[in-house]
Protein backbone atom coordinates (compact mmCIF):
# COMPACT_ATOMS: atom_id res chain seq x y z
CA MET A 1 174.38 109.53 111.55
CA GLU A 2 178.19 108.67 112.19
CA VAL A 3 181.49 110.50 111.95
CA GLN A 4 184.83 108.52 112.12
CA GLY A 5 188.31 110.24 112.68
CA ARG A 6 191.09 110.73 115.07
CA ILE A 7 190.57 113.19 118.31
CA LYS A 8 192.48 116.47 117.37
CA MET A 9 191.12 118.40 120.45
CA ILE A 10 188.92 118.12 123.57
CA GLY A 11 187.36 121.09 125.16
CA GLU A 12 186.71 121.69 128.72
CA THR A 13 183.07 121.65 129.92
CA GLN A 14 181.48 124.97 129.49
CA THR A 15 178.59 126.18 131.58
CA PHE A 16 176.06 128.82 130.47
CA GLY A 17 173.08 130.58 132.11
CA ALA A 18 171.29 130.51 135.46
CA ASN A 19 169.83 126.77 134.27
CA GLY A 20 173.40 125.26 134.21
CA PHE A 21 173.32 124.60 130.67
CA ARG A 22 176.59 122.39 129.63
CA LYS A 23 178.33 122.08 126.72
CA ARG A 24 181.56 120.40 125.55
CA GLU A 25 183.51 120.39 121.91
CA ILE A 26 185.47 117.79 120.65
CA VAL A 27 187.31 117.96 117.44
CA ILE A 28 188.06 115.17 115.10
CA THR A 29 190.17 114.86 111.70
CA THR A 30 188.69 112.25 109.36
CA ASP A 31 190.79 109.86 107.44
CA GLU A 32 190.09 110.53 103.84
CA GLN A 33 191.90 112.03 100.74
CA TYR A 34 191.00 115.78 102.01
CA PRO A 35 190.87 115.44 105.58
CA GLN A 36 188.26 117.31 107.39
CA HIS A 37 188.62 119.15 110.93
CA ILE A 38 184.76 118.31 112.57
CA MET A 39 183.83 119.93 115.61
CA VAL A 40 181.16 118.16 117.51
CA GLU A 41 179.26 119.19 120.64
CA PHE A 42 178.40 117.19 123.49
CA VAL A 43 175.40 118.84 125.74
CA GLN A 44 174.18 118.36 129.07
CA ASP A 45 174.93 114.89 130.56
CA LYS A 46 176.44 114.14 127.39
CA THR A 47 179.50 116.04 128.25
CA ASP A 48 180.73 113.33 130.40
CA LEU A 49 181.13 110.85 127.74
CA LEU A 50 184.30 112.67 126.72
CA ASN A 51 186.21 112.15 130.02
CA SER A 52 187.68 108.61 129.19
CA TYR A 53 188.94 109.78 125.57
CA GLN A 54 192.48 111.25 124.74
CA VAL A 55 194.07 113.48 121.76
CA GLY A 56 195.14 111.12 119.18
CA GLN A 57 192.51 108.19 119.76
CA GLN A 58 190.67 106.96 116.66
CA VAL A 59 186.74 107.12 117.50
CA LYS A 60 183.30 106.78 116.04
CA ILE A 61 180.78 109.27 116.95
CA SER A 62 176.96 109.29 116.73
CA ILE A 63 175.96 112.48 115.63
CA ASN A 64 172.78 114.41 114.80
CA LEU A 65 172.56 117.58 112.84
CA ARG A 66 170.94 120.63 114.27
CA GLY A 67 169.35 123.89 112.88
CA ARG A 68 167.96 126.77 114.18
CA GLU A 69 166.50 130.24 113.29
CA TRP A 70 167.43 133.62 114.92
CA VAL A 71 166.15 137.24 114.03
CA ASN A 72 168.54 139.64 114.95
CA PRO A 73 167.47 143.04 116.36
CA GLN A 74 167.41 144.63 113.00
CA GLY A 75 164.77 141.92 111.96
CA GLU A 76 167.40 140.15 109.83
CA THR A 77 166.82 136.26 110.03
CA LYS A 78 169.75 134.18 110.44
CA TYR A 79 170.34 130.27 110.15
CA PHE A 80 172.85 128.46 112.35
CA ASN A 81 173.94 124.55 112.02
CA SER A 82 175.53 122.66 114.44
CA ILE A 83 176.51 118.92 115.04
CA GLN A 84 175.61 117.33 118.34
CA GLY A 85 177.04 113.90 119.33
CA TRP A 86 175.49 111.81 121.51
CA ARG A 87 177.52 108.56 121.53
CA ILE A 88 181.12 108.27 121.22
CA GLU A 89 183.02 104.74 120.94
CA ALA A 90 186.60 104.03 120.30
CA LEU A 91 187.89 102.35 117.49
CA GLN A 92 190.84 99.57 117.20
CA ALA A 93 193.69 100.71 114.96
CA GLU A 94 193.91 97.63 112.33
CA ALA A 95 197.38 96.88 111.83
CA ALA A 96 198.44 95.68 108.61
CA GLY A 97 199.61 92.01 109.89
CA ASP A 98 196.16 91.28 111.69
CA ASN A 99 195.05 88.73 109.22
CA ILE A 100 198.30 86.64 109.87
CA PRO A 101 197.76 83.44 112.07
CA PRO A 102 199.89 83.30 114.66
CA VAL A 103 203.10 81.33 114.39
CA PRO A 104 203.76 78.53 117.24
CA PRO A 105 207.04 78.43 119.52
CA ALA A 106 209.59 77.00 117.72
CA ASP A 107 209.75 74.19 120.39
CA ALA A 108 206.22 73.18 119.20
CA PHE A 109 207.99 71.57 116.47
CA GLU A 110 209.75 67.70 116.48
CA PRO A 111 213.12 68.16 115.17
CA ALA A 112 213.81 65.49 112.21
CA GLY A 113 216.99 63.54 113.58
CA ASP A 114 217.47 60.80 111.58
CA LEU A 115 217.85 62.10 107.74
CA LYS A 116 220.28 60.19 105.33
CA GLU A 117 221.83 62.35 102.73
CA ASP A 118 220.50 60.14 100.38
CA ASP A 119 216.46 60.31 101.84
CA HIS A 120 216.19 64.37 101.28
CA ASP A 121 217.53 64.62 97.68
CA ASP A 122 214.18 63.67 95.84
CA LEU A 123 214.23 66.44 93.35
CA PRO A 124 214.15 65.36 90.19
CA PHE A 125 217.12 67.75 88.57
């Protein structure tokens, strides 16, 4: 699965436990009628993927949905979901005029120098 949007926040890498589990969070805001702020976790060696990105950049993140079950001390079962990223890539902002071909410079055209007044008046009215 993938999610696209503009980076709103990139957190610092956090380390947990004696075995050094690492986690880093990023929040992106989707570009739709009702924008959503989606928090995605990157874990272990994937935390380094966020080093070259900045707040405000448009990105596409490849994600996996994770779910887990937990039984609290009172015996109640709880369920938790997380969104885990495993790849991120920058998206190029598409400008409105990108489909217009480039205009050659003015010196690429040869000026018409020998026009006479009668030659260019060929309109029927």
